[in-house]
Amino acid sequence: MESIRIIDIVGTAAFSIAGVSAAMEKKLDIFGIFIIAFVTALGGGTLRDILVGKVPIG
């Protein structure tokens, strides 16, 4: 079960990195980059939970 948790964390980090790269292309400041990374990671994790049928999301 520990390997699933590690994969979950790596996946969330990947979503966050994708958000950071998109925000850097738009030349946002550090606060904007943080917000975009947070929203992308949260949305990606929620989408992943919905697709695998994990209810309640969390």
PDB file of N, CA and C in Angstrom:
ATOM      1  N   MET A   1       0.821  -1.189   0.000  1.00  0.00           N
ATOM      2  CA  MET A   1       0.000   0.000   0.000  1.00  0.00           C
ATOM      3  C   MET A   1       0.870   1.260   0.000  1.00  0.00           C
ATOM      4  N   GLU A   2       2.068   1.171   0.525  1.00  0.00           N
ATOM      5  CA  GLU A   2       2.965   2.328   0.569  1.00  0.00           C
ATOM      6  C   GLU A   2       3.370   2.781  -0.833  1.00  0.00           C
ATOM      7  N   SER A   3       3.541   1.837  -1.760  1.00  0.00           N
ATOM      8  CA  SER A   3       3.935   2.213  -3.121  1.00  0.00           C
ATOM      9  C   SER A   3       2.830   2.998  -3.812  1.00  0.00           C
ATOM     10  N   ILE A   4       1.567   2.710  -3.510  1.00  0.00           N
ATOM     11  CA  ILE A   4       0.449   3.469  -4.088  1.00  0.00           C
ATOM     12  C   ILE A   4       0.500   4.911  -3.587  1.00  0.00           C
ATOM     13  N   ARG A   5       0.808   5.107  -2.331  1.00  0.00           N
ATOM     14  CA  ARG A   5       0.889   6.456  -1.753  1.00  0.00           C
ATOM     15  C   ARG A   5       2.024   7.249  -2.406  1.00  0.00           C
ATOM     16  N   ILE A   6       3.142   6.605  -2.653  1.00  0.00           N
ATOM     17  CA  ILE A   6       4.276   7.265  -3.300  1.00  0.00           C
ATOM     18  C   ILE A   6       3.916   7.661  -4.723  1.00  0.00           C
ATOM     19  N   ILE A   7       3.252   6.774  -5.456  1.00  0.00           N
ATOM     20  CA  ILE A   7       2.820   7.089  -6.814  1.00  0.00           C
ATOM     21  C   ILE A   7       1.820   8.246  -6.806  1.00  0.00           C
ATOM     22  N   ASP A   8       0.946   8.281  -5.806  1.00  0.00           N
ATOM     23  CA  ASP A   8      -0.022   9.370  -5.663  1.00  0.00           C
ATOM     24  C   ASP A   8       0.686  10.711  -5.473  1.00  0.00           C
ATOM     25  N   ILE A   9       1.689  10.751  -4.630  1.00  0.00           N
ATOM     26  CA  ILE A   9       2.437  11.983  -4.377  1.00  0.00           C
ATOM     27  C   ILE A   9       3.206  12.410  -5.620  1.00  0.00           C
ATOM     28  N   VAL A  10       3.813  11.463  -6.312  1.00  0.00           N
ATOM     29  CA  VAL A  10       4.551  11.778  -7.539  1.00  0.00           C
ATOM     30  C   VAL A  10       3.599  12.329  -8.607  1.00  0.00           C
ATOM     31  N   GLY A  11       2.416  11.764  -8.719  1.00  0.00           N
ATOM     32  CA  GLY A  11       1.428  12.260  -9.675  1.00  0.00           C
ATOM     33  C   GLY A  11       0.991  13.678  -9.370  1.00  0.00           C
ATOM     34  N   THR A  12       0.745  13.979  -8.106  1.00  0.00           N
ATOM     35  CA  THR A  12       0.371  15.334  -7.708  1.00  0.00           C
ATOM     36  C   THR A  12       1.507  16.311  -7.979  1.00  0.00           C
ATOM     37  N   ALA A  13       2.726  15.892  -7.737  1.00  0.00           N
ATOM     38  CA  ALA A  13       3.883  16.747  -8.036  1.00  0.00           C
ATOM     39  C   ALA A  13       3.993  17.001  -9.539  1.00  0.00           C
ATOM     40  N   ALA A  14       3.690  15.996 -10.340  1.00  0.00           N
ATOM     41  CA  ALA A  14       3.743  16.165 -11.797  1.00  0.00           C
ATOM     42  C   ALA A  14       2.709  17.187 -12.265  1.00  0.00           C
ATOM     43  N   PHE A  15       1.500  17.136 -11.698  1.00  0.00           N
ATOM     44  CA  PHE A  15       0.489  18.137 -12.033  1.00  0.00           C
ATOM     45  C   PHE A  15       0.967  19.537 -11.634  1.00  0.00           C
ATOM     46  N   SER A  16       1.590  19.632 -10.487  1.00  0.00           N
ATOM     47  CA  SER A  16       2.090  20.920 -10.007  1.00  0.00           C
ATOM     48  C   SER A  16       3.191  21.459 -10.917  1.00  0.00           C
ATOM     49  N   ILE A  17       4.091  20.602 -11.332  1.00  0.00           N
ATOM     50  CA  ILE A  17       5.175  21.019 -12.230  1.00  0.00           C
ATOM     51  C   ILE A  17       4.613  21.486 -13.567  1.00  0.00           C
ATOM     52  N   ALA A  18       3.573  20.817 -14.045  1.00  0.00           N
ATOM     53  CA  ALA A  18       2.929  21.250 -15.290  1.00  0.00           C
ATOM     54  C   ALA A  18       2.341  22.652 -15.128  1.00  0.00           C
ATOM     55  N   GLY A  19       1.741  22.925 -13.985  1.00  0.00           N
ATOM     56  CA  GLY A  19       1.198  24.262 -13.719  1.00  0.00           C
ATOM     57  C   GLY A  19       2.286  25.315 -13.642  1.00  0.00           C
ATOM     58  N   VAL A  20       3.402  24.975 -13.014  1.00  0.00           N
ATOM     59  CA  VAL A  20       4.526  25.914 -12.908  1.00  0.00           C
ATOM     60  C   VAL A  20       5.075  26.247 -14.287  1.00  0.00           C
ATOM     61  N   SER A  21       5.231  25.241 -15.136  1.00  0.00           N
ATOM     62  CA  SER A  21       5.774  25.520 -16.466  1.00  0.00           C
ATOM     63  C   SER A  21       4.821  26.386 -17.288  1.00  0.00           C
ATOM     64  N   ALA A  22       3.512  26.155 -17.156  1.00  0.00           N
ATOM     65  CA  ALA A  22       2.541  26.994 -17.870  1.00  0.00           C
ATOM     66  C   ALA A  22       2.573  28.430 -17.347  1.00  0.00           C
ATOM     67  N   ALA A  23       2.692  28.596 -16.035  1.00  0.00           N
ATOM     68  CA  ALA A  23       2.729  29.932 -15.451  1.00  0.00           C
ATOM     69  C   ALA A  23       4.012  30.665 -15.822  1.00  0.00           C
ATOM     70  N   MET A  24       5.110  29.945 -15.922  1.00  0.00           N
ATOM     71  CA  MET A  24       6.375  30.591 -16.295  1.00  0.00           C
ATOM     72  C   MET A  24       6.359  31.033 -17.753  1.00  0.00           C
ATOM     73  N   GLU A  25       5.660  30.299 -18.619  1.00  0.00           N
ATOM     74  CA  GLU A  25       5.527  30.717 -20.011  1.00  0.00           C
ATOM     75  C   GLU A  25       4.765  32.034 -20.126  1.00  0.00           C
ATOM     76  N   LYS A  26       3.813  32.259 -19.204  1.00  0.00           N
ATOM     77  CA  LYS A  26       3.037  33.496 -19.185  1.00  0.00           C
ATOM     78  C   LYS A  26       3.756  34.618 -18.439  1.00  0.00           C
ATOM     79  N   LYS A  27       4.962  34.310 -17.911  1.00  0.00           N
ATOM     80  CA  LYS A  27       5.798  35.268 -17.188  1.00  0.00           C
ATOM     81  C   LYS A  27       5.081  35.877 -15.969  1.00  0.00           C
ATOM     82  N   LEU A  28       4.461  35.014 -15.172  1.00  0.00           N
ATOM     83  CA  LEU A  28       3.808  35.451 -13.944  1.00  0.00           C
ATOM     84  C   LEU A  28       4.840  35.632 -12.830  1.00  0.00           C
ATOM     85  N   ASP A  29       4.458  36.403 -11.804  1.00  0.00           N
ATOM     86  CA  ASP A  29       5.348  36.563 -10.656  1.00  0.00           C
ATOM     87  C   ASP A  29       5.273  35.310  -9.780  1.00  0.00           C
ATOM     88  N   ILE A  30       6.039  35.281  -8.698  1.00  0.00           N
ATOM     89  CA  ILE A  30       6.149  34.085  -7.866  1.00  0.00           C
ATOM     90  C   ILE A  30       4.811  33.720  -7.218  1.00  0.00           C
ATOM     91  N   PHE A  31       4.034  34.718  -6.842  1.00  0.00           N
ATOM     92  CA  PHE A  31       2.718  34.454  -6.248  1.00  0.00           C
ATOM     93  C   PHE A  31       1.786  33.821  -7.280  1.00  0.00           C
ATOM     94  N   GLY A  32       1.782  34.333  -8.491  1.00  0.00           N
ATOM     95  CA  GLY A  32       0.964  33.769  -9.559  1.00  0.00           C
ATOM     96  C   GLY A  32       1.370  32.346  -9.890  1.00  0.00           C
ATOM     97  N   ILE A  33       2.667  32.099  -9.900  1.00  0.00           N
ATOM     98  CA  ILE A  33       3.165  30.752 -10.169  1.00  0.00           C
ATOM     99  C   ILE A  33       2.701  29.788  -9.076  1.00  0.00           C
ATOM    100  N   PHE A  34       2.759  30.236  -7.823  1.00  0.00           N
ATOM    101  CA  PHE A  34       2.312  29.399  -6.711  1.00  0.00           C
ATOM    102  C   PHE A  34       0.824  29.070  -6.826  1.00  0.00           C
ATOM    103  N   ILE A  35       0.021  30.068  -7.131  1.00  0.00           N
ATOM    104  CA  ILE A  35      -1.428  29.864  -7.236  1.00  0.00           C
ATOM    105  C   ILE A  35      -1.754  28.902  -8.383  1.00  0.00           C
ATOM    106  N   ILE A  36      -1.148  29.112  -9.543  1.00  0.00           N
ATOM    107  CA  ILE A  36      -1.402  28.237 -10.690  1.00  0.00           C
ATOM    108  C   ILE A  36      -0.948  26.807 -10.387  1.00  0.00           C
ATOM    109  N   ALA A  37       0.207  26.645  -9.744  1.00  0.00           N
ATOM    110  CA  ALA A  37       0.692  25.308  -9.394  1.00  0.00           C
ATOM    111  C   ALA A  37      -0.264  24.622  -8.421  1.00  0.00           C
ATOM    112  N   PHE A  38      -0.755  25.360  -7.443  1.00  0.00           N
ATOM    113  CA  PHE A  38      -1.676  24.797  -6.450  1.00  0.00           C
ATOM    114  C   PHE A  38      -2.989  24.369  -7.093  1.00  0.00           C
ATOM    115  N   VAL A  39      -3.553  25.240  -7.912  1.00  0.00           N
ATOM    116  CA  VAL A  39      -4.836  24.937  -8.546  1.00  0.00           C
ATOM    117  C   VAL A  39      -4.695  23.758  -9.511  1.00  0.00           C
ATOM    118  N   THR A  40      -3.599  23.718 -10.260  1.00  0.00           N
ATOM    119  CA  THR A  40      -3.381  22.610 -11.195  1.00  0.00           C
ATOM    120  C   THR A  40      -3.216  21.292 -10.454  1.00  0.00           C
ATOM    121  N   ALA A  41      -2.451  21.279  -9.377  1.00  0.00           N
ATOM    122  CA  ALA A  41      -2.254  20.050  -8.601  1.00  0.00           C
ATOM    123  C   ALA A  41      -3.567  19.596  -7.967  1.00  0.00           C
ATOM    124  N   LEU A  42      -4.331  20.527  -7.425  1.00  0.00           N
ATOM    125  CA  LEU A  42      -5.609  20.184  -6.800  1.00  0.00           C
ATOM    126  C   LEU A  42      -6.594  19.657  -7.842  1.00  0.00           C
ATOM    127  N   GLY A  43      -6.692  20.341  -8.970  1.00  0.00           N
ATOM    128  CA  GLY A  43      -7.596  19.899 -10.029  1.00  0.00           C
ATOM    129  C   GLY A  43      -7.185  18.567 -10.618  1.00  0.00           C
ATOM    130  N   GLY A  44      -5.897  18.366 -10.822  1.00  0.00           N
ATOM    131  CA  GLY A  44      -5.419  17.092 -11.364  1.00  0.00           C
ATOM    132  C   GLY A  44      -5.670  15.937 -10.414  1.00  0.00           C
ATOM    133  N   GLY A  45      -5.443  16.167  -9.132  1.00  0.00           N
ATOM    134  CA  GLY A  45      -5.708  15.122  -8.141  1.00  0.00           C
ATOM    135  C   GLY A  45      -7.183  14.795  -8.036  1.00  0.00           C
ATOM    136  N   THR A  46      -8.023  15.814  -8.113  1.00  0.00           N
ATOM    137  CA  THR A  46      -9.467  15.597  -8.067  1.00  0.00           C
ATOM    138  C   THR A  46      -9.929  14.835  -9.300  1.00  0.00           C
ATOM    139  N   LEU A  47      -9.433  15.219 -10.465  1.00  0.00           N
ATOM    140  CA  LEU A  47      -9.790  14.520 -11.698  1.00  0.00           C
ATOM    141  C   LEU A  47      -9.354  13.060 -11.643  1.00  0.00           C
ATOM    142  N   ARG A  48      -8.158  12.802 -11.122  1.00  0.00           N
ATOM    143  CA  ARG A  48      -7.667  11.439 -10.986  1.00  0.00           C
ATOM    144  C   ARG A  48      -8.581  10.624 -10.067  1.00  0.00           C
ATOM    145  N   ASP A  49      -8.992  11.214  -8.939  1.00  0.00           N
ATOM    146  CA  ASP A  49      -9.869  10.507  -8.011  1.00  0.00           C
ATOM    147  C   ASP A  49     -11.225  10.206  -8.648  1.00  0.00           C
ATOM    148  N   ILE A  50     -11.752  11.137  -9.423  1.00  0.00           N
ATOM    149  CA  ILE A  50     -13.036  10.913 -10.090  1.00  0.00           C
ATOM    150  C   ILE A  50     -12.913   9.788 -11.117  1.00  0.00           C
ATOM    151  N   LEU A  51     -11.840   9.786 -11.880  1.00  0.00           N
ATOM    152  CA  LEU A  51     -11.667   8.768 -12.920  1.00  0.00           C
ATOM    153  C   LEU A  51     -11.502   7.362 -12.351  1.00  0.00           C
ATOM    154  N   VAL A  52     -10.878   7.237 -11.196  1.00  0.00           N
ATOM    155  CA  VAL A  52     -10.705   5.908 -10.607  1.00  0.00           C
ATOM    156  C   VAL A  52     -11.883   5.518  -9.716  1.00  0.00           C
ATOM    157  N   GLY A  53     -12.830   6.427  -9.536  1.00  0.00           N
ATOM    158  CA  GLY A  53     -14.037   6.126  -8.771  1.00  0.00           C
ATOM    159  C   GLY A  53     -13.891   6.224  -7.281  1.00  0.00           C
ATOM    160  N   LYS A  54     -12.918   6.988  -6.805  1.00  0.00           N
ATOM    161  CA  LYS A  54     -12.717   7.152  -5.373  1.00  0.00           C
ATOM    162  C   LYS A  54     -13.691   8.209  -4.851  1.00  0.00           C
ATOM    163  N   VAL A  55     -14.650   7.790  -4.037  1.00  0.00           N
ATOM    164  CA  VAL A  55     -15.639   8.703  -3.490  1.00  0.00           C
ATOM    165  C   VAL A  55     -15.712   8.454  -1.999  1.00  0.00           C
ATOM    166  N   PRO A  56     -15.708   9.408  -1.126  1.00  0.00           N
ATOM    167  CA  PRO A  56     -15.574  10.842  -1.378  1.00  0.00           C
ATOM    168  C   PRO A  56     -14.151  11.202  -1.762  1.00  0.00           C
ATOM    169  N   ILE A  57     -14.041  12.300  -2.476  1.00  0.00           N
ATOM    170  CA  ILE A  57     -12.738  12.752  -2.960  1.00  0.00           C
ATOM    171  C   ILE A  57     -11.941  13.282  -1.777  1.00  0.00           C
ATOM    172  N   GLY A  58     -10.678  12.901  -1.686  1.00  0.00           N
ATOM    173  CA  GLY A  58      -9.887  13.420  -0.584  1.00  0.00           C
ATOM    174  C   GLY A  58      -8.616  12.769  -0.390  1.00  0.00           C
TER     175      GLY A  58
END
